[in-house]
Amino acid sequence: MTMHYIIQAVFVLTGLLSVLASLFDWDWFFTAHNSRFVVESVGRTRARWFYAAIGLLLMATGTYFFLATAAAYTA
């Protein structure tokens, strides 16, 4: 059960990192090798929107599975 919570926390934290990088326009995030492809393909502004959406999706997924896991263990 502990492993579930660790994975859910990783989802939420990486989502939070992505959203914060999008909001604050962090250069280190958008000039990294992995995100440079998206920035060069669609531009910096759209890349920020893309990473914000991905971050929100990750946080929502982590939260959903946290609630589903908690409900499964209490039922």
Protein backbone atom coordinates (compact mmCIF):
# COMPACT_ATOMS: atom_id res chain seq x y z
CA MET A 1 0.00 0.00 0.00
CA THR A 2 2.87 2.37 0.72
CA MET A 3 4.17 1.95 -2.83
CA HIS A 4 0.83 3.21 -4.19
CA TYR A 5 1.17 6.41 -2.21
CA ILE A 6 4.75 6.93 -3.38
CA ILE A 7 3.75 6.59 -7.03
CA GLN A 8 0.78 8.92 -6.54
CA ALA A 9 3.06 11.48 -4.88
CA VAL A 10 5.46 11.27 -7.83
CA PHE A 11 2.57 11.99 -10.21
CA VAL A 12 1.44 15.00 -8.19
CA LEU A 13 4.94 16.40 -7.68
CA THR A 14 5.96 16.09 -11.33
CA GLY A 15 2.67 17.66 -12.35
CA LEU A 16 3.25 20.50 -9.92
CA LEU A 17 6.75 21.01 -11.30
CA SER A 18 5.41 21.20 -14.84
CA VAL A 19 2.67 23.66 -13.91
CA LEU A 20 5.05 25.89 -11.96
CA ALA A 21 7.57 25.84 -14.80
CA SER A 22 4.83 26.95 -17.16
CA LEU A 23 3.56 29.70 -14.88
CA PHE A 24 6.97 31.15 -14.06
CA ASP A 25 8.51 30.49 -17.50
CA TRP A 26 11.60 28.80 -16.09
CA ASP A 27 14.44 28.85 -18.60
CA TRP A 28 16.14 25.78 -17.16
CA PHE A 29 12.97 23.78 -17.80
CA PHE A 30 12.29 24.94 -21.35
CA THR A 31 15.90 24.80 -22.52
CA ALA A 32 16.42 21.26 -21.23
CA HIS A 33 17.13 18.62 -23.85
CA ASN A 34 13.80 16.81 -23.36
CA SER A 35 11.56 19.85 -23.67
CA ARG A 36 13.55 21.64 -26.35
CA PHE A 37 11.86 19.55 -29.07
CA VAL A 38 8.40 20.80 -28.06
CA VAL A 39 9.60 24.40 -27.75
CA GLU A 40 11.21 24.33 -31.19
CA SER A 41 8.18 22.64 -32.77
CA VAL A 42 5.37 24.84 -31.49
CA GLY A 43 7.05 27.86 -29.88
CA ARG A 44 7.63 28.81 -26.29
CA THR A 45 4.11 30.09 -25.52
CA ARG A 46 2.34 26.99 -26.80
CA ALA A 47 4.92 24.78 -25.12
CA ARG A 48 4.08 26.48 -21.83
CA TRP A 49 0.38 25.77 -22.38
CA PHE A 50 1.19 22.18 -23.32
CA TYR A 51 3.29 21.54 -20.22
CA ALA A 52 0.68 23.23 -18.01
CA ALA A 53 -1.99 20.90 -19.40
CA ILE A 54 0.25 17.86 -18.95
CA GLY A 55 0.99 18.96 -15.38
CA LEU A 56 -2.67 19.39 -14.55
CA LEU A 57 -3.40 15.98 -16.04
CA LEU A 58 -0.66 14.38 -13.94
CA MET A 59 -1.92 16.04 -10.76
CA ALA A 60 -5.50 15.01 -11.51
CA THR A 61 -4.41 11.43 -12.18
CA GLY A 62 -2.42 11.24 -8.95
CA THR A 63 -5.31 12.69 -6.96
CA TYR A 64 -7.84 10.34 -8.57
CA PHE A 65 -5.77 7.27 -7.81
CA PHE A 66 -5.16 8.50 -4.26
CA LEU A 67 -8.89 8.76 -3.67
CA ALA A 68 -9.58 5.44 -5.41
CA THR A 69 -6.90 3.66 -3.38
CA ALA A 70 -8.16 5.15 -0.12
CA ALA A 71 -11.73 4.12 -0.96
CA ALA A 72 -10.65 0.59 -1.89
CA TYR A 73 -8.86 0.06 1.41
CA THR A 74 -11.70 1.44 3.54
CA ALA A 75 -14.45 -0.55 1.81
